[in-house]
Amino acid sequence: MFQKDAIVRLLRDNDPTTVALVKEQLIESGCDGVAALRDLLSLDDEAVTAHVREVLEKIGSDQAQDEMLLCAHLFPEHGDIEAAWWLLTLCFEPDAPVAKLRRKLDAWGRRLRMLVAKAGSVRERLQALTTFMAEDLGLRGNAEEYYDPQNSLLSEVIEKRLGIPISLAMLYVIVGRRANMLIDGINLPGHFIARYERILFDPFTRDESSRGPTARRSLARQRLKTQSSYFAPASPRLVLLRMLANLLFILSVQAKGRSMLLS
C-alpha cells in the first residue's frame, strides 16, 4: 500500500475514478500510513500534494471523531475541558496547529499573570483580566456571524479573536487558569457567562455586576425567575455537552438550509 512511487503514479493518473479509489484506500488504511504520506508533501507536484493533503486531513478528522465519540461518552464531570475542546476542534480542523496555539495561550497566561500581580483587589484583578482579553487581545462576540461553527472551535477563536458566549467565557477560563485565576463558567438558561470570585461578568457583552443586567435580561426573555442554581459553576462535562449541543443545532440548521436551496 505504501510503495511511494506507485502511489504517486496513481495519484497522477488522468482517470478521476482511479485517483478517487486510491485516495479511498489510503484513507481506509488510517494512521498506519500517515508518516509515509507526509513524506509525499515535499514533492514538487501540486496535484499530488493536494490529493495527499486531503487524505491526511480525512484520516485526521476520522481519528478525532472516533476519539471525540469516546470522549463524549466517558468524559468525567471534572475532566480537562481544554483537552476535550482541542479534540472537538480537530474533528473540524484536523490540521489545526495545536502545539503552536497552545504556546500562544501559555504566552497570554504569562502576560496576564504579570498584570494581575499588580492588582490589589478582586475587582482590580478582574479589570486586569477583562482589559487584557477584550482590549489588548481584541476578543469580542461575533454578533454578525453568531451561527458560524468556527465560533465554537478553539483554534478559530484564538486566531480570529471572535466567539460566542460559551467559547469566549471558556477561553477566559483557560487563560485565567494559566495566570492562577480561578474563573468559573456559568451556564445560564439561554446564555453563558463567567464569574471571578463573587463577580459575574459577560465576555460577550462585557457586562459586569453582582447579578448582571445581561443575566437578568436573559432570564426575563424566557420568563424565568432568578434561581441560585442558575449561577452555580458549570462542570467541565456540562460545558462540553453545551458546546456539542450548540454545534449540533448550528450544523442541523445549515443542513436544513442547504436542503431547502436544493429542493
C-alpha atoms as a PDB file:
ATOM      1  CA  MET A   1       0.000   0.000   0.000  1.00  0.00           C
ATOM      2  CA  PHE A   2       2.770   2.421   0.830  1.00  0.00           C
ATOM      3  CA  GLN A   3       5.068   1.984  -2.143  1.00  0.00           C
ATOM      4  CA  LYS A   4       5.525   5.710  -2.629  1.00  0.00           C
ATOM      5  CA  ASP A   5       6.395   5.636  -6.308  1.00  0.00           C
ATOM      6  CA  ALA A   6       3.296   3.589  -7.092  1.00  0.00           C
ATOM      7  CA  ILE A   7       1.081   5.930  -5.078  1.00  0.00           C
ATOM      8  CA  VAL A   8       2.479   8.973  -6.859  1.00  0.00           C
ATOM      9  CA  ARG A   9       1.880   7.401 -10.276  1.00  0.00           C
ATOM     10  CA  LEU A  10      -1.697   6.527  -9.376  1.00  0.00           C
ATOM     11  CA  LEU A  11      -2.429   9.974  -7.969  1.00  0.00           C
ATOM     12  CA  ARG A  12      -1.124  11.468 -11.237  1.00  0.00           C
ATOM     13  CA  ASP A  13      -3.480   9.276 -13.244  1.00  0.00           C
ATOM     14  CA  ASN A  14      -5.759  11.119 -15.684  1.00  0.00           C
ATOM     15  CA  ASP A  15      -8.738   8.969 -14.681  1.00  0.00           C
ATOM     16  CA  PRO A  16     -10.607  10.667 -11.762  1.00  0.00           C
ATOM     17  CA  THR A  17     -12.113   7.302 -10.776  1.00  0.00           C
ATOM     18  CA  THR A  18      -8.670   5.785 -10.299  1.00  0.00           C
ATOM     19  CA  VAL A  19      -7.490   8.744  -8.218  1.00  0.00           C
ATOM     20  CA  ALA A  20     -10.642   8.631  -6.069  1.00  0.00           C
ATOM     21  CA  LEU A  21     -10.218   4.872  -5.478  1.00  0.00           C
ATOM     22  CA  VAL A  22      -6.578   5.292  -4.437  1.00  0.00           C
ATOM     23  CA  LYS A  23      -7.472   8.099  -2.022  1.00  0.00           C
ATOM     24  CA  GLU A  24     -10.288   5.997  -0.561  1.00  0.00           C
ATOM     25  CA  GLN A  25      -7.905   3.070   0.029  1.00  0.00           C
ATOM     26  CA  LEU A  26      -5.325   5.361   1.631  1.00  0.00           C
ATOM     27  CA  ILE A  27      -7.982   6.776   3.965  1.00  0.00           C
ATOM     28  CA  GLU A  28      -9.129   3.279   4.910  1.00  0.00           C
ATOM     29  CA  SER A  29      -5.559   2.380   5.854  1.00  0.00           C
ATOM     30  CA  GLY A  30      -5.831   5.029   8.571  1.00  0.00           C
ATOM     31  CA  CYS A  31      -2.962   6.109  10.781  1.00  0.00           C
ATOM     32  CA  ASP A  32      -0.625   3.283   9.683  1.00  0.00           C
ATOM     33  CA  GLY A  33       0.491   5.180   6.605  1.00  0.00           C
ATOM     34  CA  VAL A  34       0.432   8.752   7.841  1.00  0.00           C
ATOM     35  CA  ALA A  35       4.223   9.078   8.159  1.00  0.00           C
ATOM     36  CA  ALA A  36       4.777   7.793   4.609  1.00  0.00           C
ATOM     37  CA  LEU A  37       2.098  10.089   3.228  1.00  0.00           C
ATOM     38  CA  ARG A  38       3.601  13.112   4.943  1.00  0.00           C
ATOM     39  CA  ASP A  39       6.851  12.425   3.111  1.00  0.00           C
ATOM     40  CA  LEU A  40       4.965  12.949  -0.155  1.00  0.00           C
ATOM     41  CA  LEU A  41       4.061  16.514   0.817  1.00  0.00           C
ATOM     42  CA  SER A  42       7.628  17.517  -0.032  1.00  0.00           C
ATOM     43  CA  LEU A  43       7.146  16.594  -3.699  1.00  0.00           C
ATOM     44  CA  ASP A  44       7.258  19.367  -6.271  1.00  0.00           C
ATOM     45  CA  ASP A  45       3.882  18.362  -7.660  1.00  0.00           C
ATOM     46  CA  GLU A  46       0.887  20.468  -6.647  1.00  0.00           C
ATOM     47  CA  ALA A  47      -1.716  17.967  -7.833  1.00  0.00           C
ATOM     48  CA  VAL A  48      -0.225  15.059  -5.882  1.00  0.00           C
ATOM     49  CA  THR A  49       0.397  17.074  -2.709  1.00  0.00           C
ATOM     50  CA  ALA A  50      -3.168  18.419  -2.846  1.00  0.00           C
ATOM     51  CA  HIS A  51      -4.531  14.850  -3.000  1.00  0.00           C
ATOM     52  CA  VAL A  52      -2.224  13.733  -0.178  1.00  0.00           C
ATOM     53  CA  ARG A  53      -3.241  16.687   1.975  1.00  0.00           C
ATOM     54  CA  GLU A  54      -6.931  15.801   1.514  1.00  0.00           C
ATOM     55  CA  VAL A  55      -6.210  12.196   2.525  1.00  0.00           C
ATOM     56  CA  LEU A  56      -4.270  13.255   5.626  1.00  0.00           C
ATOM     57  CA  GLU A  57      -6.999  15.686   6.661  1.00  0.00           C
ATOM     58  CA  LYS A  58      -9.659  12.984   6.273  1.00  0.00           C
ATOM     59  CA  ILE A  59      -7.608  10.475   8.285  1.00  0.00           C
ATOM     60  CA  GLY A  60      -7.040  13.077  10.999  1.00  0.00           C
ATOM     61  CA  SER A  61     -10.696  14.077  11.048  1.00  0.00           C
ATOM     62  CA  ASP A  62     -11.890  10.464  11.242  1.00  0.00           C
ATOM     63  CA  GLN A  63      -9.496   9.706  14.092  1.00  0.00           C
ATOM     64  CA  ALA A  64     -10.532  12.832  16.005  1.00  0.00           C
ATOM     65  CA  GLN A  65     -14.211  11.998  15.525  1.00  0.00           C
ATOM     66  CA  ASP A  66     -13.693   8.478  16.875  1.00  0.00           C
ATOM     67  CA  GLU A  67     -11.859   9.873  19.904  1.00  0.00           C
ATOM     68  CA  MET A  68     -14.500  12.582  20.355  1.00  0.00           C
ATOM     69  CA  LEU A  69     -17.280   9.982  20.347  1.00  0.00           C
ATOM     70  CA  LEU A  70     -15.483   8.083  23.089  1.00  0.00           C
ATOM     71  CA  CYS A  71     -14.780  11.317  24.980  1.00  0.00           C
ATOM     72  CA  ALA A  72     -18.419  12.408  24.846  1.00  0.00           C
ATOM     73  CA  HIS A  73     -19.485   9.118  26.450  1.00  0.00           C
ATOM     74  CA  LEU A  74     -16.735   8.827  29.043  1.00  0.00           C
ATOM     75  CA  PHE A  75     -15.745  12.431  29.813  1.00  0.00           C
ATOM     76  CA  PRO A  76     -15.802  12.789  33.623  1.00  0.00           C
ATOM     77  CA  GLU A  77     -17.692  15.505  35.467  1.00  0.00           C
ATOM     78  CA  HIS A  78     -14.483  17.391  36.188  1.00  0.00           C
ATOM     79  CA  GLY A  79     -12.385  16.360  33.196  1.00  0.00           C
ATOM     80  CA  ASP A  80      -9.920  18.507  31.254  1.00  0.00           C
ATOM     81  CA  ILE A  81     -12.195  20.771  29.219  1.00  0.00           C
ATOM     82  CA  GLU A  82      -9.300  22.314  27.299  1.00  0.00           C
ATOM     83  CA  ALA A  83      -8.140  18.894  26.064  1.00  0.00           C
ATOM     84  CA  ALA A  84     -11.711  17.988  25.086  1.00  0.00           C
ATOM     85  CA  TRP A  85     -12.121  21.332  23.290  1.00  0.00           C
ATOM     86  CA  TRP A  86      -8.956  20.732  21.261  1.00  0.00           C
ATOM     87  CA  LEU A  87     -10.249  17.296  20.330  1.00  0.00           C
ATOM     88  CA  LEU A  88     -13.571  18.775  19.240  1.00  0.00           C
ATOM     89  CA  THR A  89     -11.694  21.366  17.175  1.00  0.00           C
ATOM     90  CA  LEU A  90      -9.647  18.664  15.426  1.00  0.00           C
ATOM     91  CA  CYS A  91     -12.867  16.974  14.288  1.00  0.00           C
ATOM     92  CA  PHE A  92     -13.462  20.008  12.078  1.00  0.00           C
ATOM     93  CA  GLU A  93      -9.884  21.193  11.517  1.00  0.00           C
ATOM     94  CA  PRO A  94      -7.584  18.169  11.646  1.00  0.00           C
ATOM     95  CA  ASP A  95      -4.614  20.292  10.547  1.00  0.00           C
ATOM     96  CA  ALA A  96      -5.073  22.932  13.270  1.00  0.00           C
ATOM     97  CA  PRO A  97      -1.627  23.879  14.680  1.00  0.00           C
ATOM     98  CA  VAL A  98      -2.479  22.809  18.227  1.00  0.00           C
ATOM     99  CA  ALA A  99       1.068  22.936  19.637  1.00  0.00           C
ATOM    100  CA  LYS A 100       1.643  26.442  18.252  1.00  0.00           C
ATOM    101  CA  LEU A 101      -1.684  27.725  19.569  1.00  0.00           C
ATOM    102  CA  ARG A 102      -1.107  26.185  22.994  1.00  0.00           C
ATOM    103  CA  ARG A 103       2.168  28.104  23.158  1.00  0.00           C
ATOM    104  CA  LYS A 104       0.213  31.254  22.349  1.00  0.00           C
ATOM    105  CA  LEU A 105      -2.194  30.520  25.210  1.00  0.00           C
ATOM    106  CA  ASP A 106       0.781  29.985  27.518  1.00  0.00           C
ATOM    107  CA  ALA A 107       2.213  33.352  26.450  1.00  0.00           C
ATOM    108  CA  TRP A 108      -1.133  35.056  27.106  1.00  0.00           C
ATOM    109  CA  GLY A 109      -1.234  33.432  30.532  1.00  0.00           C
ATOM    110  CA  ARG A 110       2.252  34.719  31.391  1.00  0.00           C
ATOM    111  CA  ARG A 111       1.341  38.252  30.336  1.00  0.00           C
ATOM    112  CA  LEU A 112      -1.882  38.141  32.319  1.00  0.00           C
ATOM    113  CA  ARG A 113      -0.072  36.823  35.396  1.00  0.00           C
ATOM    114  CA  MET A 114       2.191  39.877  35.373  1.00  0.00           C
ATOM    115  CA  LEU A 115      -0.792  42.223  35.053  1.00  0.00           C
ATOM    116  CA  VAL A 116      -2.750  40.517  37.808  1.00  0.00           C
ATOM    117  CA  ALA A 117       0.254  40.635  40.140  1.00  0.00           C
ATOM    118  CA  LYS A 118      -0.002  44.437  40.141  1.00  0.00           C
ATOM    119  CA  ALA A 119      -3.699  44.418  41.132  1.00  0.00           C
ATOM    120  CA  GLY A 120      -4.585  44.913  44.772  1.00  0.00           C
ATOM    121  CA  SER A 121      -8.211  43.754  44.931  1.00  0.00           C
ATOM    122  CA  VAL A 122     -10.557  41.216  43.390  1.00  0.00           C
ATOM    123  CA  ARG A 123     -12.205  43.838  41.223  1.00  0.00           C
ATOM    124  CA  GLU A 124      -8.834  45.161  40.067  1.00  0.00           C
ATOM    125  CA  ARG A 125      -7.740  41.644  39.111  1.00  0.00           C
ATOM    126  CA  LEU A 126     -10.973  41.154  37.180  1.00  0.00           C
ATOM    127  CA  GLN A 127     -10.439  44.507  35.470  1.00  0.00           C
ATOM    128  CA  ALA A 128      -6.922  43.435  34.515  1.00  0.00           C
ATOM    129  CA  LEU A 129      -8.331  40.221  33.044  1.00  0.00           C
ATOM    130  CA  THR A 130     -11.114  41.817  31.017  1.00  0.00           C
ATOM    131  CA  THR A 131      -8.936  44.687  29.785  1.00  0.00           C
ATOM    132  CA  PHE A 132      -6.217  42.288  28.676  1.00  0.00           C
ATOM    133  CA  MET A 133      -8.569  39.856  26.951  1.00  0.00           C
ATOM    134  CA  ALA A 134     -11.010  42.302  25.360  1.00  0.00           C
ATOM    135  CA  GLU A 135      -8.811  45.326  24.676  1.00  0.00           C
ATOM    136  CA  ASP A 136      -5.215  44.120  24.438  1.00  0.00           C
ATOM    137  CA  LEU A 137      -6.059  40.888  22.611  1.00  0.00           C
ATOM    138  CA  GLY A 138      -9.244  42.184  20.960  1.00  0.00           C
ATOM    139  CA  LEU A 139     -11.503  39.267  21.873  1.00  0.00           C
ATOM    140  CA  ARG A 140     -15.155  40.049  21.203  1.00  0.00           C
ATOM    141  CA  GLY A 141     -18.510  38.487  20.486  1.00  0.00           C
ATOM    142  CA  ASN A 142     -19.242  37.629  16.869  1.00  0.00           C
ATOM    143  CA  ALA A 143     -22.758  39.039  16.772  1.00  0.00           C
ATOM    144  CA  GLU A 144     -22.610  39.441  12.968  1.00  0.00           C
ATOM    145  CA  GLU A 145     -21.925  35.721  12.288  1.00  0.00           C
ATOM    146  CA  TYR A 146     -23.263  34.270  15.522  1.00  0.00           C
ATOM    147  CA  TYR A 147     -24.155  30.883  13.999  1.00  0.00           C
ATOM    148  CA  ASP A 148     -20.822  30.292  12.264  1.00  0.00           C
ATOM    149  CA  PRO A 149     -19.483  26.913  13.517  1.00  0.00           C
ATOM    150  CA  GLN A 150     -15.992  28.431  13.675  1.00  0.00           C
ATOM    151  CA  ASN A 151     -17.116  30.431  16.710  1.00  0.00           C
ATOM    152  CA  SER A 152     -17.058  27.140  18.629  1.00  0.00           C
ATOM    153  CA  LEU A 153     -13.585  25.963  17.541  1.00  0.00           C
ATOM    154  CA  LEU A 154     -10.752  26.856  19.885  1.00  0.00           C
ATOM    155  CA  SER A 155      -8.249  27.386  17.079  1.00  0.00           C
ATOM    156  CA  GLU A 156     -10.539  29.851  15.292  1.00  0.00           C
ATOM    157  CA  VAL A 157     -11.449  31.772  18.458  1.00  0.00           C
ATOM    158  CA  ILE A 158      -7.747  32.207  19.241  1.00  0.00           C
ATOM    159  CA  GLU A 159      -6.785  33.256  15.714  1.00  0.00           C
ATOM    160  CA  LYS A 160      -9.775  35.437  14.814  1.00  0.00           C
ATOM    161  CA  ARG A 161     -10.463  36.726  18.354  1.00  0.00           C
ATOM    162  CA  LEU A 162     -14.189  36.135  17.757  1.00  0.00           C
ATOM    163  CA  GLY A 163     -16.594  33.823  19.537  1.00  0.00           C
ATOM    164  CA  ILE A 164     -19.984  33.159  21.071  1.00  0.00           C
ATOM    165  CA  PRO A 165     -20.727  33.434  24.809  1.00  0.00           C
ATOM    166  CA  ILE A 166     -19.581  29.942  25.784  1.00  0.00           C
ATOM    167  CA  SER A 167     -16.393  29.910  23.698  1.00  0.00           C
ATOM    168  CA  LEU A 168     -15.337  33.367  24.912  1.00  0.00           C
ATOM    169  CA  ALA A 169     -16.128  32.546  28.546  1.00  0.00           C
ATOM    170  CA  MET A 170     -14.173  29.283  28.386  1.00  0.00           C
ATOM    171  CA  LEU A 171     -11.217  30.997  26.747  1.00  0.00           C
ATOM    172  CA  TYR A 172     -11.181  33.366  29.730  1.00  0.00           C
ATOM    173  CA  VAL A 173     -11.278  30.282  31.962  1.00  0.00           C
ATOM    174  CA  ILE A 174      -8.306  28.528  30.359  1.00  0.00           C
ATOM    175  CA  VAL A 175      -6.179  31.662  30.013  1.00  0.00           C
ATOM    176  CA  GLY A 176      -7.083  32.697  33.559  1.00  0.00           C
ATOM    177  CA  ARG A 177      -6.019  29.275  34.811  1.00  0.00           C
ATOM    178  CA  ARG A 178      -2.557  29.902  33.363  1.00  0.00           C
ATOM    179  CA  ALA A 179      -2.398  33.112  35.437  1.00  0.00           C
ATOM    180  CA  ASN A 180      -3.552  31.335  38.617  1.00  0.00           C
ATOM    181  CA  MET A 181      -7.027  32.906  38.399  1.00  0.00           C
ATOM    182  CA  LEU A 182      -9.915  30.551  39.147  1.00  0.00           C
ATOM    183  CA  ILE A 183     -12.724  31.594  36.799  1.00  0.00           C
ATOM    184  CA  ASP A 184     -15.991  29.674  36.615  1.00  0.00           C
ATOM    185  CA  GLY A 185     -18.253  29.245  33.637  1.00  0.00           C
ATOM    186  CA  ILE A 186     -21.912  29.960  34.496  1.00  0.00           C
ATOM    187  CA  ASN A 187     -24.437  28.005  32.464  1.00  0.00           C
ATOM    188  CA  LEU A 188     -27.445  30.323  32.498  1.00  0.00           C
ATOM    189  CA  PRO A 189     -30.524  29.181  30.575  1.00  0.00           C
ATOM    190  CA  GLY A 190     -30.117  30.648  27.099  1.00  0.00           C
ATOM    191  CA  HIS A 191     -26.807  32.383  27.790  1.00  0.00           C
ATOM    192  CA  PHE A 192     -23.338  31.503  29.083  1.00  0.00           C
ATOM    193  CA  ILE A 193     -21.348  33.910  31.253  1.00  0.00           C
ATOM    194  CA  ALA A 194     -18.448  33.717  33.727  1.00  0.00           C
ATOM    195  CA  ARG A 195     -17.626  34.543  37.330  1.00  0.00           C
ATOM    196  CA  TYR A 196     -14.479  35.548  39.161  1.00  0.00           C
ATOM    197  CA  GLU A 197     -14.782  35.287  42.914  1.00  0.00           C
ATOM    198  CA  ARG A 198     -18.315  36.686  43.514  1.00  0.00           C
ATOM    199  CA  ILE A 199     -18.464  38.918  40.459  1.00  0.00           C
ATOM    200  CA  LEU A 200     -20.355  37.809  37.365  1.00  0.00           C
ATOM    201  CA  PHE A 201     -19.165  39.104  34.021  1.00  0.00           C
ATOM    202  CA  ASP A 202     -20.063  38.501  30.411  1.00  0.00           C
ATOM    203  CA  PRO A 203     -17.148  38.287  27.928  1.00  0.00           C
ATOM    204  CA  PHE A 204     -19.632  38.507  25.040  1.00  0.00           C
ATOM    205  CA  THR A 205     -21.256  41.811  26.053  1.00  0.00           C
ATOM    206  CA  ARG A 206     -18.619  42.927  28.619  1.00  0.00           C
ATOM    207  CA  ASP A 207     -21.383  43.421  31.166  1.00  0.00           C
ATOM    208  CA  GLU A 208     -20.315  43.119  34.804  1.00  0.00           C
ATOM    209  CA  SER A 209     -22.129  43.231  38.142  1.00  0.00           C
ATOM    210  CA  SER A 210     -23.136  41.046  41.071  1.00  0.00           C
ATOM    211  CA  ARG A 211     -26.135  39.674  39.164  1.00  0.00           C
ATOM    212  CA  GLY A 212     -25.548  41.253  35.764  1.00  0.00           C
ATOM    213  CA  PRO A 213     -28.065  43.042  33.512  1.00  0.00           C
ATOM    214  CA  THR A 214     -27.322  40.501  30.779  1.00  0.00           C
ATOM    215  CA  ALA A 215     -28.220  37.648  33.126  1.00  0.00           C
ATOM    216  CA  ARG A 216     -31.448  39.319  34.199  1.00  0.00           C
ATOM    217  CA  ARG A 217     -32.461  40.087  30.613  1.00  0.00           C
ATOM    218  CA  SER A 218     -31.717  36.529  29.516  1.00  0.00           C
ATOM    219  CA  LEU A 219     -33.912  35.091  32.262  1.00  0.00           C
ATOM    220  CA  ALA A 220     -36.663  37.670  31.689  1.00  0.00           C
ATOM    221  CA  ARG A 221     -36.865  36.823  27.965  1.00  0.00           C
ATOM    222  CA  GLN A 222     -37.563  33.233  28.940  1.00  0.00           C
ATOM    223  CA  ARG A 223     -39.971  34.282  31.705  1.00  0.00           C
ATOM    224  CA  LEU A 224     -37.779  32.597  34.273  1.00  0.00           C
ATOM    225  CA  LYS A 225     -37.361  33.745  37.833  1.00  0.00           C
ATOM    226  CA  THR A 226     -33.868  34.073  39.247  1.00  0.00           C
ATOM    227  CA  GLN A 227     -32.736  30.899  40.998  1.00  0.00           C
ATOM    228  CA  SER A 228     -29.464  30.342  42.801  1.00  0.00           C
ATOM    229  CA  SER A 229     -28.951  27.080  40.887  1.00  0.00           C
ATOM    230  CA  TYR A 230     -28.657  29.054  37.645  1.00  0.00           C
ATOM    231  CA  PHE A 231     -25.489  30.707  38.975  1.00  0.00           C
ATOM    232  CA  ALA A 232     -23.695  27.545  40.088  1.00  0.00           C
ATOM    233  CA  PRO A 233     -20.329  26.859  38.417  1.00  0.00           C
ATOM    234  CA  ALA A 234     -20.733  24.748  35.289  1.00  0.00           C
ATOM    235  CA  SER A 235     -18.792  21.489  35.476  1.00  0.00           C
ATOM    236  CA  PRO A 236     -16.453  20.697  32.563  1.00  0.00           C
ATOM    237  CA  ARG A 237     -18.800  17.895  31.474  1.00  0.00           C
ATOM    238  CA  LEU A 238     -21.750  20.289  31.359  1.00  0.00           C
ATOM    239  CA  VAL A 239     -19.666  22.769  29.350  1.00  0.00           C
ATOM    240  CA  LEU A 240     -18.707  20.069  26.846  1.00  0.00           C
ATOM    241  CA  LEU A 241     -22.322  18.943  26.465  1.00  0.00           C
ATOM    242  CA  ARG A 242     -23.434  22.516  25.839  1.00  0.00           C
ATOM    243  CA  MET A 243     -20.687  23.017  23.243  1.00  0.00           C
ATOM    244  CA  LEU A 244     -21.765  19.845  21.467  1.00  0.00           C
ATOM    245  CA  ALA A 245     -25.433  20.854  21.622  1.00  0.00           C
ATOM    246  CA  ASN A 246     -24.606  24.274  20.147  1.00  0.00           C
ATOM    247  CA  LEU A 247     -22.697  22.740  17.252  1.00  0.00           C
ATOM    248  CA  LEU A 248     -25.405  20.157  16.626  1.00  0.00           C
ATOM    249  CA  PHE A 249     -28.018  22.901  16.428  1.00  0.00           C
ATOM    250  CA  ILE A 250     -25.887  25.102  14.135  1.00  0.00           C
ATOM    251  CA  LEU A 251     -24.994  22.271  11.759  1.00  0.00           C
ATOM    252  CA  SER A 252     -28.579  20.996  11.605  1.00  0.00           C
ATOM    253  CA  VAL A 253     -29.829  24.483  10.712  1.00  0.00           C
ATOM    254  CA  GLN A 254     -27.184  24.760   7.992  1.00  0.00           C
ATOM    255  CA  ALA A 255     -28.078  21.339   6.606  1.00  0.00           C
ATOM    256  CA  LYS A 256     -31.758  22.253   6.534  1.00  0.00           C
ATOM    257  CA  GLY A 257     -30.944  25.486   4.726  1.00  0.00           C
ATOM    258  CA  ARG A 258     -28.939  23.645   2.069  1.00  0.00           C
ATOM    259  CA  SER A 259     -31.706  21.099   1.526  1.00  0.00           C
ATOM    260  CA  MET A 260     -34.231  23.906   1.048  1.00  0.00           C
ATOM    261  CA  LEU A 261     -31.996  25.515  -1.570  1.00  0.00           C
ATOM    262  CA  LEU A 262     -31.719  22.223  -3.463  1.00  0.00           C
ATOM    263  CA  SER A 263     -35.454  21.410  -3.307  1.00  0.00           C
END
